Protein backbone atom coordinates (compact mmCIF):
# COMPACT_ATOMS: atom_id res chain seq x y z
CA UNK A 1 24.57 -28.55 1.73
CA UNK A 2 25.88 -28.50 5.30
CA UNK A 3 25.64 -25.38 7.53
CA UNK A 4 29.41 -25.62 8.06
CA UNK A 5 30.10 -25.35 4.27
CA UNK A 6 27.86 -22.40 4.08
CA UNK A 7 29.80 -20.63 6.98
CA UNK A 8 33.09 -21.13 5.26
CA UNK A 9 32.00 -19.61 1.91
CA UNK A 10 33.57 -16.28 1.95
CA UNK A 11 30.65 -14.80 -0.45
CA UNK A 12 28.24 -15.68 2.38
CA UNK A 13 30.07 -13.66 4.77
CA UNK A 14 30.37 -10.77 2.25
CA UNK A 15 27.19 -11.27 0.12
CA UNK A 16 27.86 -7.94 -1.69
CA UNK A 17 31.44 -8.81 -2.61
CA UNK A 18 30.80 -9.90 -6.13
CA UNK A 19 28.13 -7.09 -6.77
CA UNK A 20 30.64 -4.59 -5.77
CA UNK A 21 33.39 -5.94 -8.01
CA UNK A 22 30.85 -5.96 -10.89
CA UNK A 23 29.89 -2.44 -10.26
CA UNK A 24 33.50 -1.29 -9.97
CA UNK A 25 34.27 -2.92 -13.28
CA UNK A 26 31.12 -1.38 -14.96
CA UNK A 27 32.05 2.11 -13.63
CA UNK A 28 35.54 1.74 -14.86
CA UNK A 29 34.47 0.45 -18.29
CA UNK A 30 31.91 3.04 -18.79
CA UNK A 31 34.27 5.86 -17.86
CA UNK A 32 37.21 4.50 -19.83
CA UNK A 33 38.22 7.21 -22.44
CA UNK A 34 38.97 4.51 -24.95
CA UNK A 35 35.55 2.87 -24.41
CA UNK A 36 34.08 6.23 -25.13
CA UNK A 37 36.26 6.96 -28.06
CA UNK A 38 35.42 3.64 -29.55
CA UNK A 39 31.83 4.40 -29.22
CA UNK A 40 32.17 7.72 -30.72
CA UNK A 41 34.24 6.50 -33.64
CA UNK A 42 32.29 3.46 -34.30
CA UNK A 43 34.86 0.80 -33.35
CA UNK A 44 33.60 -2.63 -32.10
CA UNK A 45 35.92 -2.37 -29.03
CA UNK A 46 38.54 -0.36 -27.17
CA UNK A 47 41.13 -2.79 -28.22
CA UNK A 48 41.07 -1.23 -31.87
CA UNK A 49 43.26 1.61 -30.34
CA UNK A 50 45.99 -0.92 -29.24
CA UNK A 51 46.41 -1.99 -32.77
CA UNK A 52 46.24 1.57 -34.17
CA UNK A 53 49.04 2.53 -31.70
CA UNK A 54 51.07 -0.50 -32.62
CA UNK A 55 50.67 -0.09 -36.20
CA UNK A 56 51.51 3.57 -36.16
CA UNK A 57 54.81 2.55 -34.70
CA UNK A 58 55.62 -0.64 -36.59
CA UNK A 59 53.76 -0.02 -39.90
CA UNK A 60 52.39 -3.50 -40.18
CA UNK A 61 49.17 -2.78 -42.01
CA UNK A 62 50.18 -1.82 -45.46
CA UNK A 63 47.75 -1.46 -48.59
CA UNK A 64 47.55 -5.07 -50.00
CA UNK A 65 48.58 -7.05 -46.93
CA UNK A 66 46.84 -10.27 -46.20
CA UNK A 67 45.81 -10.34 -42.70
CA UNK A 68 44.56 -13.22 -40.36
CA UNK A 69 42.92 -12.22 -37.26
CA UNK A 70 42.68 -15.04 -34.77
CA UNK A 71 40.10 -14.75 -31.99
CA UNK A 72 38.64 -11.79 -33.65
CA UNK A 73 35.32 -11.27 -32.15
CA UNK A 74 33.91 -8.71 -31.54
CA UNK A 75 36.01 -7.30 -34.43
CA UNK A 76 37.80 -4.23 -33.27
CA UNK A 77 41.26 -5.35 -34.71
CA UNK A 78 39.63 -6.60 -37.96
CA UNK A 79 37.93 -3.18 -38.47
CA UNK A 80 41.28 -1.40 -38.05
CA UNK A 81 43.08 -4.02 -40.41
CA UNK A 82 40.45 -3.83 -43.18
CA UNK A 83 40.54 -0.06 -43.35
CA UNK A 84 44.31 -0.03 -43.30
CA UNK A 85 44.97 -2.80 -46.13
CA UNK A 86 42.20 -1.57 -48.42
CA UNK A 87 40.55 -3.40 -51.29
CA UNK A 88 43.84 -4.73 -52.53
CA UNK A 89 44.39 -6.45 -49.19
CA UNK A 90 42.55 -9.24 -47.49
CA UNK A 91 41.29 -9.64 -43.94
CA UNK A 92 40.28 -12.97 -42.66
CA UNK A 93 38.96 -13.42 -39.18
CA UNK A 94 38.52 -16.55 -37.25
CA UNK A 95 36.80 -17.10 -33.77
CA UNK A 96 34.80 -19.63 -31.90
CA UNK A 97 32.05 -17.13 -31.37
CA UNK A 98 29.89 -15.44 -33.96
CA UNK A 99 31.02 -12.13 -35.41
CA UNK A 100 28.54 -9.51 -36.83
CA UNK A 101 29.38 -8.75 -40.45
CA UNK A 102 32.25 -6.06 -41.09
CA UNK A 103 32.89 -4.49 -44.36
CA UNK A 104 36.09 -5.82 -45.96
CA UNK A 105 36.31 -8.80 -43.47
CA UNK A 106 35.68 -12.52 -44.43
CA UNK A 107 34.77 -14.44 -41.26
CA UNK A 108 35.09 -18.23 -40.50
CA UNK A 109 33.33 -19.43 -37.09
CA UNK A 110 35.36 -22.32 -35.59
CA UNK A 111 38.38 -23.56 -33.99
CA UNK A 112 41.53 -22.59 -36.26
CA UNK A 113 43.20 -25.78 -35.17
CA UNK A 114 40.56 -27.99 -36.94
CA UNK A 115 41.19 -29.23 -40.42
CA UNK A 116 37.77 -28.18 -41.91
CA UNK A 117 38.46 -24.35 -40.57
CA UNK A 118 41.85 -24.54 -42.07
CA UNK A 119 40.51 -25.68 -45.37
CA UNK A 120 38.13 -22.76 -45.36
CA UNK A 121 40.94 -20.42 -44.55
CA UNK A 122 43.06 -21.79 -47.44
CA UNK A 123 40.29 -21.33 -49.73
CA UNK A 124 39.75 -17.66 -48.83
CA UNK A 125 43.32 -17.06 -49.22
CA UNK A 126 43.37 -17.99 -52.75
CA UNK A 127 47.01 -19.12 -52.58
CA UNK A 128 48.06 -15.48 -51.44
CA UNK A 129 50.75 -15.41 -48.70
CA UNK A 130 49.79 -14.30 -45.32
CA UNK A 131 51.69 -11.10 -44.49
CA UNK A 132 50.33 -10.75 -40.98
CA UNK A 133 48.82 -12.87 -38.25
CA UNK A 134 47.26 -10.92 -35.30
CA UNK A 135 46.02 -12.49 -31.95
CA UNK A 136 44.31 -10.60 -29.21
CA UNK A 137 42.99 -13.78 -27.69
CA UNK A 138 42.57 -14.20 -24.01
CA UNK A 139 40.75 -16.97 -21.92
CA UNK A 140 37.81 -16.50 -20.02
CA UNK A 141 38.90 -15.40 -16.53
CA UNK A 142 38.14 -18.04 -13.88
CA UNK A 143 39.72 -16.06 -10.91
CA UNK A 144 42.45 -18.57 -10.36
CA UNK A 145 45.62 -16.77 -11.36
CA UNK A 146 47.78 -19.71 -12.12
CA UNK A 147 45.05 -21.49 -14.22
CA UNK A 148 44.27 -18.31 -16.09
CA UNK A 149 47.93 -17.60 -16.87
CA UNK A 150 48.43 -21.11 -18.08
CA UNK A 151 45.36 -20.95 -20.46
CA UNK A 152 46.53 -17.51 -21.75
CA UNK A 153 49.97 -18.66 -22.54
CA UNK A 154 48.54 -21.71 -24.28
CA UNK A 155 46.50 -19.61 -26.58
CA UNK A 156 49.58 -17.55 -27.39
CA UNK A 157 51.37 -20.94 -28.19
CA UNK A 158 48.61 -21.99 -30.53
CA UNK A 159 48.46 -18.70 -32.41
CA UNK A 160 52.33 -18.81 -32.74
CA UNK A 161 52.22 -22.44 -34.16
CA UNK A 162 49.55 -21.14 -36.54
CA UNK A 163 51.67 -18.16 -37.73
CA UNK A 164 54.70 -20.25 -38.27
CA UNK A 165 52.75 -22.57 -40.59
CA UNK A 166 51.06 -19.83 -42.62
CA UNK A 167 53.06 -16.73 -42.57
CA UNK A 168 55.08 -15.53 -45.63
CA UNK A 169 58.85 -15.66 -44.85
CA UNK A 170 58.88 -11.91 -44.68
CA UNK A 171 55.61 -11.60 -42.60
CA UNK A 172 55.03 -10.56 -39.11
CA UNK A 173 53.15 -12.02 -36.07
CA UNK A 174 51.58 -9.80 -33.27
CA UNK A 175 50.17 -11.65 -30.30
CA UNK A 176 48.93 -10.69 -26.82
CA UNK A 177 50.65 -12.36 -23.81
CA UNK A 178 50.58 -11.95 -20.12
CA UNK A 179 53.62 -11.45 -18.06
CA UNK A 180 53.91 -14.26 -15.44
CA UNK A 181 54.64 -18.00 -15.51
CA UNK A 182 55.48 -19.12 -19.00
CA UNK A 183 56.19 -15.61 -20.43
CA UNK A 184 60.04 -15.73 -20.45
CA UNK A 185 59.86 -19.31 -22.22
CA UNK A 186 57.45 -18.05 -24.97
CA UNK A 187 59.56 -14.95 -25.48
CA UNK A 188 62.61 -17.29 -25.88
CA UNK A 189 60.61 -19.39 -28.35
CA UNK A 190 59.66 -16.43 -30.41
CA UNK A 191 63.20 -15.25 -30.52
CA UNK A 192 64.17 -18.52 -31.82
CA UNK A 193 61.67 -18.54 -34.78
CA UNK A 194 61.73 -14.76 -35.77
CA UNK A 195 64.79 -12.64 -36.50
CA UNK A 196 63.45 -9.57 -34.53
CA UNK A 197 61.17 -9.68 -31.59
CA UNK A 198 60.02 -6.60 -29.83
CA UNK A 199 57.47 -6.01 -26.99
CA UNK A 200 54.68 -3.29 -27.05
CA UNK A 201 52.59 -1.77 -24.31
CA UNK A 202 49.89 0.52 -25.95
CA UNK A 203 48.24 3.43 -24.01
CA UNK A 204 44.94 1.63 -24.41
CA UNK A 205 46.24 -1.26 -22.23
CA UNK A 206 45.20 -0.56 -18.68
CA UNK A 207 48.20 0.04 -16.40
CA UNK A 208 47.20 -2.53 -13.75
CA UNK A 209 47.12 -5.28 -16.69
CA UNK A 210 49.89 -7.51 -17.13
CA UNK A 211 49.23 -7.79 -20.72
CA UNK A 212 51.84 -6.96 -23.28
CA UNK A 213 52.11 -7.52 -27.09
CA UNK A 214 55.09 -9.44 -28.76
CA UNK A 215 55.73 -8.66 -32.42
CA UNK A 216 57.90 -11.05 -34.35
CA UNK A 217 59.15 -10.26 -37.89
CA UNK A 218 61.42 -12.15 -40.26
CA UNK A 219 60.29 -15.93 -39.76
CA UNK A 220 63.37 -18.14 -39.37
CA UNK A 221 63.20 -21.30 -41.35
């Protein structure tokens, strides 16, 4: 590597920059009241409280509901869903990453766009209609805002496609999105496919985060 290239590297000018960011994130994470509460109450992630708050308002997780959780790992949302729908319901979680076993949750590791994974899902559904599709998926952050936003919106679009194909006509779809480029187009798309679409910003979402949750109900044919 040429010396000139090294001089132009901002991290060489500020060698502690990344370490400072990591330390700040870790400090914030450890002191986050929702992280502490999740550890105390046994939830896999602080995200569990986002779903709990949304469900308290919109009553999505009723006993007997069949739920599909896309991008489920580490399992906070699936935990909440399984407890709410009870034994008469069903929670099927999908993710590319492994998921430690959860009571009341059937897990499929793989890409939900692949035919083999969809066949596994259909087998687990046992011809029962899906009442709720939930997606808390987010891409791995690269640090390039435009690229990260594009990837996040693409994941939301994939989740929407899945929901439209598998949801019962009276079912609901809850998805995490990020405000920015593509958000308005996605919101318009959801409004064209559901009779009702609302946005939710639960307290467990950090204030600085641009994330919001869109909830669509009443699938239009």
